[in-house]
Amino acid sequence: MKTKNVTVVVSRPPDFATAEKLRMAVGLTLDDGNKVTALFIDEGVCAVNGAGFENHPSRIEVDKSLETLGLMGVRLLAHAPSLEIYGVGLERYNVFPIDGPGSADLLAGSDVIIN
């Protein structure tokens, strides 16, 4: 079976839609044919540490999914320019920065993009 590169793009702040998208990413990892990567960009970078959204009701669900994705070995990447714009640090969940050209290469190399 050919491996599919699946990129899940999170561009919204932590809310219930973001939590659902991350839950879907967890489900996608269950198919051995999928190599899943999550890319946090624009306001989506706020999901990686809850910056400004610490008390939002969806926070627990977002955190659970991020923790699960990390345990499953999913690459978690955050768009470096967005991190600077929103002042977000990467202290949690083994999220790594990726520059603009790296983000473009990631998307270009994806067989499936979920946005």
C-alpha atoms as a PDB file:
ATOM      1  CA  MET A   1       0.000   0.000   0.000  1.00  0.00           C
ATOM      2  CA  LYS A   2       1.389   3.394  -0.980  1.00  0.00           C
ATOM      3  CA  THR A   3       1.855   5.819   1.888  1.00  0.00           C
ATOM      4  CA  LYS A   4      -0.215   8.992   1.614  1.00  0.00           C
ATOM      5  CA  ASN A   5       1.238  12.220   2.978  1.00  0.00           C
ATOM      6  CA  VAL A   6      -1.676  13.876   4.755  1.00  0.00           C
ATOM      7  CA  THR A   7      -1.297  17.418   6.074  1.00  0.00           C
ATOM      8  CA  VAL A   8      -3.890  18.808   8.459  1.00  0.00           C
ATOM      9  CA  VAL A   9      -3.754  22.613   8.440  1.00  0.00           C
ATOM     10  CA  VAL A  10      -4.904  24.376  11.607  1.00  0.00           C
ATOM     11  CA  SER A  11      -5.384  28.081  10.930  1.00  0.00           C
ATOM     12  CA  ARG A  12      -8.011  28.977  13.540  1.00  0.00           C
ATOM     13  CA  PRO A  13      -7.515  29.684  17.226  1.00  0.00           C
ATOM     14  CA  PRO A  14      -8.395  26.933  19.688  1.00  0.00           C
ATOM     15  CA  ASP A  15     -12.140  26.357  19.452  1.00  0.00           C
ATOM     16  CA  PHE A  16     -14.416  23.386  18.946  1.00  0.00           C
ATOM     17  CA  ALA A  17     -13.780  23.319  15.164  1.00  0.00           C
ATOM     18  CA  THR A  18     -10.034  23.141  15.850  1.00  0.00           C
ATOM     19  CA  ALA A  19     -10.589  20.386  18.404  1.00  0.00           C
ATOM     20  CA  GLU A  20     -12.622  18.423  15.854  1.00  0.00           C
ATOM     21  CA  LYS A  21      -9.960  18.846  13.152  1.00  0.00           C
ATOM     22  CA  LEU A  22      -7.287  17.556  15.547  1.00  0.00           C
ATOM     23  CA  ARG A  23      -9.495  14.589  16.522  1.00  0.00           C
ATOM     24  CA  MET A  24      -9.836  13.809  12.827  1.00  0.00           C
ATOM     25  CA  ALA A  25      -6.030  13.909  12.518  1.00  0.00           C
ATOM     26  CA  VAL A  26      -5.810  11.318  15.312  1.00  0.00           C
ATOM     27  CA  GLY A  27      -8.219   9.105  13.384  1.00  0.00           C
ATOM     28  CA  LEU A  28      -6.198   9.477  10.188  1.00  0.00           C
ATOM     29  CA  THR A  29      -3.145   8.037  11.950  1.00  0.00           C
ATOM     30  CA  LEU A  30      -4.989   4.742  12.458  1.00  0.00           C
ATOM     31  CA  ASP A  31      -4.651   3.901   8.758  1.00  0.00           C
ATOM     32  CA  ASP A  32      -1.149   2.514   8.164  1.00  0.00           C
ATOM     33  CA  GLY A  33      -1.211   4.082   4.701  1.00  0.00           C
ATOM     34  CA  ASN A  34      -1.243   7.623   6.101  1.00  0.00           C
ATOM     35  CA  LYS A  35       1.718   9.706   7.218  1.00  0.00           C
ATOM     36  CA  VAL A  36       0.042  12.584   9.050  1.00  0.00           C
ATOM     37  CA  THR A  37       1.545  16.015   9.707  1.00  0.00           C
ATOM     38  CA  ALA A  38      -0.227  18.873  11.482  1.00  0.00           C
ATOM     39  CA  LEU A  39       0.692  22.397  10.374  1.00  0.00           C
ATOM     40  CA  PHE A  40      -0.332  25.269  12.638  1.00  0.00           C
ATOM     41  CA  ILE A  41      -0.435  28.589  10.789  1.00  0.00           C
ATOM     42  CA  ASP A  42      -1.910  32.059  11.278  1.00  0.00           C
ATOM     43  CA  GLU A  43      -4.079  32.130  14.437  1.00  0.00           C
ATOM     44  CA  GLY A  44      -3.843  28.348  14.548  1.00  0.00           C
ATOM     45  CA  VAL A  45      -0.440  28.662  16.254  1.00  0.00           C
ATOM     46  CA  CYS A  46      -2.329  29.768  19.373  1.00  0.00           C
ATOM     47  CA  ALA A  47      -3.657  26.206  19.641  1.00  0.00           C
ATOM     48  CA  VAL A  48      -0.205  24.823  20.471  1.00  0.00           C
ATOM     49  CA  ASN A  49      -0.050  26.541  23.849  1.00  0.00           C
ATOM     50  CA  GLY A  50      -3.458  28.115  24.348  1.00  0.00           C
ATOM     51  CA  ALA A  51      -2.073  31.667  24.149  1.00  0.00           C
ATOM     52  CA  GLY A  52      -4.968  33.970  24.907  1.00  0.00           C
ATOM     53  CA  PHE A  53      -7.446  31.077  25.013  1.00  0.00           C
ATOM     54  CA  GLU A  54      -6.524  29.378  28.290  1.00  0.00           C
ATOM     55  CA  ASN A  55     -10.098  29.451  29.601  1.00  0.00           C
ATOM     56  CA  HIS A  56     -11.910  28.544  26.376  1.00  0.00           C
ATOM     57  CA  PRO A  57     -14.134  25.463  26.892  1.00  0.00           C
ATOM     58  CA  SER A  58     -12.496  23.667  23.929  1.00  0.00           C
ATOM     59  CA  ARG A  59      -9.011  23.928  25.467  1.00  0.00           C
ATOM     60  CA  ILE A  60      -9.205  20.503  27.147  1.00  0.00           C
ATOM     61  CA  GLU A  61     -10.186  18.785  23.876  1.00  0.00           C
ATOM     62  CA  VAL A  62      -7.465  20.571  21.892  1.00  0.00           C
ATOM     63  CA  ASP A  63      -4.841  19.640  24.509  1.00  0.00           C
ATOM     64  CA  LYS A  64      -5.971  15.986  24.540  1.00  0.00           C
ATOM     65  CA  SER A  65      -5.645  15.711  20.782  1.00  0.00           C
ATOM     66  CA  LEU A  66      -2.243  17.437  20.723  1.00  0.00           C
ATOM     67  CA  GLU A  67      -0.949  15.090  23.395  1.00  0.00           C
ATOM     68  CA  THR A  68      -2.304  12.041  21.552  1.00  0.00           C
ATOM     69  CA  LEU A  69      -0.849  13.162  18.220  1.00  0.00           C
ATOM     70  CA  GLY A  70       2.539  13.643  19.849  1.00  0.00           C
ATOM     71  CA  LEU A  71       2.405  10.178  21.403  1.00  0.00           C
ATOM     72  CA  MET A  72       1.530   8.701  18.018  1.00  0.00           C
ATOM     73  CA  GLY A  73       4.590  10.276  16.425  1.00  0.00           C
ATOM     74  CA  VAL A  74       2.732  12.761  14.245  1.00  0.00           C
ATOM     75  CA  ARG A  75       4.895  15.670  13.124  1.00  0.00           C
ATOM     76  CA  LEU A  76       3.558  18.855  14.696  1.00  0.00           C
ATOM     77  CA  LEU A  77       4.856  21.960  12.930  1.00  0.00           C
ATOM     78  CA  ALA A  78       4.161  25.639  13.537  1.00  0.00           C
ATOM     79  CA  HIS A  79       4.680  28.348  10.932  1.00  0.00           C
ATOM     80  CA  ALA A  80       7.557  30.433  12.358  1.00  0.00           C
ATOM     81  CA  PRO A  81       6.361  33.822  11.026  1.00  0.00           C
ATOM     82  CA  SER A  82       2.940  33.212  12.620  1.00  0.00           C
ATOM     83  CA  LEU A  83       4.630  32.329  15.932  1.00  0.00           C
ATOM     84  CA  GLU A  84       6.339  35.727  15.873  1.00  0.00           C
ATOM     85  CA  ILE A  85       3.190  37.630  14.916  1.00  0.00           C
ATOM     86  CA  TYR A  86       1.133  36.058  17.734  1.00  0.00           C
ATOM     87  CA  GLY A  87       3.977  35.855  20.276  1.00  0.00           C
ATOM     88  CA  VAL A  88       3.514  32.127  20.768  1.00  0.00           C
ATOM     89  CA  GLY A  89       6.196  29.890  22.280  1.00  0.00           C
ATOM     90  CA  LEU A  90       6.630  26.169  21.671  1.00  0.00           C
ATOM     91  CA  GLU A  91       7.027  24.851  25.192  1.00  0.00           C
ATOM     92  CA  ARG A  92       4.514  22.015  24.870  1.00  0.00           C
ATOM     93  CA  TYR A  93       3.745  18.943  22.773  1.00  0.00           C
ATOM     94  CA  ASN A  94       6.996  18.747  20.784  1.00  0.00           C
ATOM     95  CA  VAL A  95       5.831  21.240  18.182  1.00  0.00           C
ATOM     96  CA  PHE A  96       8.651  22.442  15.943  1.00  0.00           C
ATOM     97  CA  PRO A  97       8.891  25.670  13.948  1.00  0.00           C
ATOM     98  CA  ILE A  98       8.921  25.604  10.163  1.00  0.00           C
ATOM     99  CA  ASP A  99       9.709  28.604   7.983  1.00  0.00           C
ATOM    100  CA  GLY A 100       7.568  29.914   5.141  1.00  0.00           C
ATOM    101  CA  PRO A 101       9.395  28.061   2.330  1.00  0.00           C
ATOM    102  CA  GLY A 102       9.360  24.872   4.423  1.00  0.00           C
ATOM    103  CA  SER A 103       5.601  25.223   4.874  1.00  0.00           C
ATOM    104  CA  ALA A 104       5.161  25.670   1.122  1.00  0.00           C
ATOM    105  CA  ASP A 105       7.303  22.581   0.441  1.00  0.00           C
ATOM    106  CA  LEU A 106       5.304  20.568   2.983  1.00  0.00           C
ATOM    107  CA  LEU A 107       2.014  21.496   1.320  1.00  0.00           C
ATOM    108  CA  ALA A 108       3.391  20.893  -2.177  1.00  0.00           C
ATOM    109  CA  GLY A 109       4.537  17.419  -1.147  1.00  0.00           C
ATOM    110  CA  SER A 110       1.214  16.464   0.424  1.00  0.00           C
ATOM    111  CA  ASP A 111      -1.081  13.982  -1.285  1.00  0.00           C
ATOM    112  CA  VAL A 112      -4.025  15.204   0.836  1.00  0.00           C
ATOM    113  CA  ILE A 113      -4.483  18.576   2.540  1.00  0.00           C
ATOM    114  CA  ILE A 114      -7.239  19.020   5.097  1.00  0.00           C
ATOM    115  CA  ASN A 115      -7.867  22.689   5.701  1.00  0.00           C
END
